Protein backbone atom coordinates (compact mmCIF):
# COMPACT_ATOMS: atom_id res chain seq x y z
CA MET A 1 52.66 -57.28 -34.49
CA ALA A 2 54.16 -53.98 -33.91
CA THR A 3 54.84 -51.64 -36.46
CA SER A 4 58.27 -49.60 -35.83
CA THR A 5 56.36 -46.11 -35.00
CA ASP A 6 54.52 -48.43 -32.26
CA ARG A 7 57.99 -49.45 -31.08
CA ASP A 8 59.25 -46.03 -31.48
CA GLN A 9 56.30 -44.77 -29.08
CA GLN A 10 57.08 -47.65 -26.46
CA ILE A 11 60.89 -46.75 -26.21
CA LYS A 12 59.61 -42.87 -25.87
CA LYS A 13 56.91 -44.18 -23.04
CA LEU A 14 59.86 -45.88 -20.98
CA HIS A 15 62.10 -42.95 -21.58
CA GLU A 16 59.75 -40.62 -20.15
CA LEU A 17 58.88 -43.31 -17.08
CA ILE A 18 62.55 -43.63 -16.08
CA LYS A 19 64.34 -40.19 -17.38
CA ASN A 20 64.75 -38.86 -14.07
CA ILE A 21 65.16 -41.80 -12.10
CA ASP A 22 69.06 -42.82 -12.07
CA TYR A 23 68.95 -45.86 -9.77
CA GLY A 24 67.41 -49.22 -10.04
CA MET A 25 67.21 -52.58 -8.51
CA PHE A 26 68.78 -54.86 -10.83
CA THR A 27 67.64 -58.59 -10.28
CA THR A 28 69.49 -61.83 -11.13
CA VAL A 29 68.67 -65.22 -10.53
CA ASP A 30 71.51 -67.77 -8.87
CA ASP A 31 71.84 -71.21 -9.47
CA ASP A 32 70.02 -72.43 -6.92
CA GLY A 33 67.00 -70.23 -8.04
CA SER A 34 67.34 -67.45 -5.17
CA LEU A 35 66.90 -63.58 -6.34
CA HIS A 36 69.54 -61.64 -5.92
CA SER A 37 68.79 -57.55 -6.16
CA TYR A 38 71.72 -54.92 -6.71
CA PRO A 39 71.57 -51.35 -6.59
CA MET A 40 72.77 -50.04 -10.27
CA SER A 41 73.04 -46.84 -11.82
CA LYS A 42 71.96 -46.60 -15.45
CA SER A 43 74.35 -45.55 -18.32
CA GLY A 44 72.85 -43.67 -20.94
CA GLU A 45 69.30 -43.22 -22.31
CA ILE A 46 67.26 -46.53 -23.65
CA ASN A 47 68.31 -46.84 -27.29
CA SER A 48 66.48 -47.66 -30.23
CA GLU A 49 66.94 -51.05 -29.87
CA ALA A 50 65.15 -51.09 -26.42
CA ALA A 51 68.16 -51.93 -24.33
CA LEU A 52 69.50 -50.49 -20.91
CA TRP A 53 73.13 -50.30 -20.10
CA PHE A 54 75.03 -50.46 -16.76
CA PHE A 55 78.53 -50.51 -15.77
CA THR A 56 79.76 -53.33 -13.78
CA TYR A 57 82.89 -55.50 -12.95
CA ALA A 58 83.23 -58.24 -15.30
CA GLY A 59 84.06 -60.65 -12.28
CA SER A 60 81.45 -59.77 -9.93
CA HIS A 61 78.86 -62.41 -8.86
CA LYS A 62 76.02 -60.65 -10.91
CA VAL A 63 77.85 -61.26 -14.32
CA THR A 64 78.23 -64.97 -13.12
CA GLU A 65 74.65 -65.16 -12.54
CA ILE A 66 74.12 -63.53 -15.99
CA GLU A 67 76.69 -66.03 -17.72
CA HIS A 68 74.13 -69.20 -16.39
CA TYR A 69 70.62 -67.35 -16.79
CA ASP A 70 70.67 -64.11 -18.56
CA GLN A 71 66.76 -63.02 -17.31
CA VAL A 72 66.87 -60.00 -15.33
CA ASN A 73 64.63 -57.64 -13.85
CA ILE A 74 65.01 -54.00 -12.97
CA THR A 75 62.74 -51.84 -11.21
CA PHE A 76 62.64 -48.32 -10.64
CA SER A 77 60.60 -46.27 -8.56
CA SER A 78 59.35 -42.52 -7.65
CA PRO A 79 57.38 -42.40 -5.09
CA GLU A 80 56.76 -39.20 -4.97
CA GLN A 81 55.68 -39.06 -8.48
CA GLN A 82 53.92 -42.28 -7.78
CA ARG A 83 55.76 -43.86 -10.49
CA TYR A 84 56.83 -47.61 -10.59
CA VAL A 85 58.44 -49.40 -13.54
CA SER A 86 59.42 -52.93 -13.59
CA ILE A 87 61.69 -54.26 -16.61
CA SER A 88 62.08 -57.69 -17.60
CA GLY A 89 64.66 -58.93 -20.29
CA SER A 90 68.01 -60.55 -20.85
CA ALA A 91 71.00 -59.37 -19.99
CA GLY A 92 74.75 -59.79 -21.71
CA LEU A 93 78.06 -58.76 -20.80
CA VAL A 94 79.67 -56.25 -23.21
CA LYS A 95 83.45 -55.02 -23.19
CA ASP A 96 83.38 -52.71 -26.20
CA ARG A 97 85.89 -49.94 -25.10
CA ASN A 98 84.08 -47.41 -27.36
CA LYS A 99 80.82 -47.99 -26.02
CA MET A 100 82.33 -47.39 -22.46
CA ARG A 101 83.31 -44.22 -23.47
CA GLU A 102 80.39 -43.03 -24.91
CA LEU A 103 78.27 -43.91 -21.58
CA TRP A 104 80.80 -42.98 -19.23
CA LYS A 105 79.77 -40.50 -16.56
CA PRO A 106 81.79 -38.96 -14.07
CA GLU A 107 79.43 -40.01 -11.21
CA LEU A 108 80.48 -43.67 -11.89
CA GLN A 109 84.23 -42.62 -10.45
CA THR A 110 82.58 -43.43 -6.73
CA TRP A 111 82.23 -47.16 -8.08
CA PHE A 112 85.40 -47.42 -10.46
CA PRO A 113 88.04 -45.12 -8.91
CA LYS A 114 90.50 -45.89 -11.62
CA GLY A 115 87.49 -44.83 -14.14
CA LEU A 116 87.66 -46.41 -17.58
CA ASP A 117 91.34 -47.75 -16.71
CA GLU A 118 89.72 -50.24 -14.30
CA LEU A 119 91.25 -53.58 -15.44
CA ASP A 120 87.96 -55.30 -14.55
CA ILE A 121 85.26 -52.92 -15.91
CA ALA A 122 82.60 -53.98 -18.44
CA LEU A 123 79.12 -53.23 -19.11
CA LEU A 124 75.60 -54.91 -18.76
CA LYS A 125 73.72 -54.57 -21.76
CA VAL A 126 69.99 -55.69 -20.99
CA ASN A 127 67.49 -56.06 -24.24
CA ILE A 128 64.00 -55.33 -22.64
CA ASN A 129 61.46 -57.95 -23.11
CA GLN A 130 58.30 -56.36 -21.27
CA LEU A 131 57.83 -53.15 -19.24
CA ASN A 132 55.32 -53.15 -16.45
CA TYR A 133 54.51 -49.77 -14.93
CA TRP A 134 52.08 -48.18 -12.63
CA ASP A 135 52.21 -44.22 -13.11
CA SER A 136 49.50 -41.99 -11.41
CA GLU A 137 49.36 -39.35 -14.20
CA SER A 138 48.19 -42.03 -17.12
CA SER A 139 45.98 -44.42 -14.99
CA PHE A 140 45.07 -45.95 -12.16
CA LYS A 141 45.54 -49.45 -13.01
CA PRO A 142 48.91 -51.13 -14.02
CA GLN A 143 50.19 -51.00 -17.45
CA THR A 144 51.87 -53.53 -19.60
CA ILE A 145 54.22 -52.71 -23.03
CA SER A 146 55.73 -56.05 -24.50
CA PHE A 147 58.76 -55.48 -26.57
CA LEU A 148 58.99 -58.89 -27.96
CA ALA A 149 58.97 -58.84 -31.92
């Protein structure tokens, strides 16, 4: 069982791996088992609960997919740094206006023209279960970090 210090170190490592990568491919599973990937911009930093946040429209197809099957995967890559990160976890819809205000960044206006006044705006919270990464600076072999308690 991981101690809180180990978990803090794992979260710090994940933060370092994706801190300069704003966009990832967010993959969901549809009812027929097919995979769908969407480019998404992460909002905020990974918190102490090992969670990632993404803005979305509550009525989007990806939200319907997550309501039926909450397991998701997000991949981040930085080829120039030879860094590739795959995060698996469970996602859920969050409509907390205070959390939205906390995580909002002006660049999101491109996808949400009315900003936080969009009627259907919401957040996806991804609770991270596992991280697989290859980072040429740390090792020439893939590494795995498990965030499960």
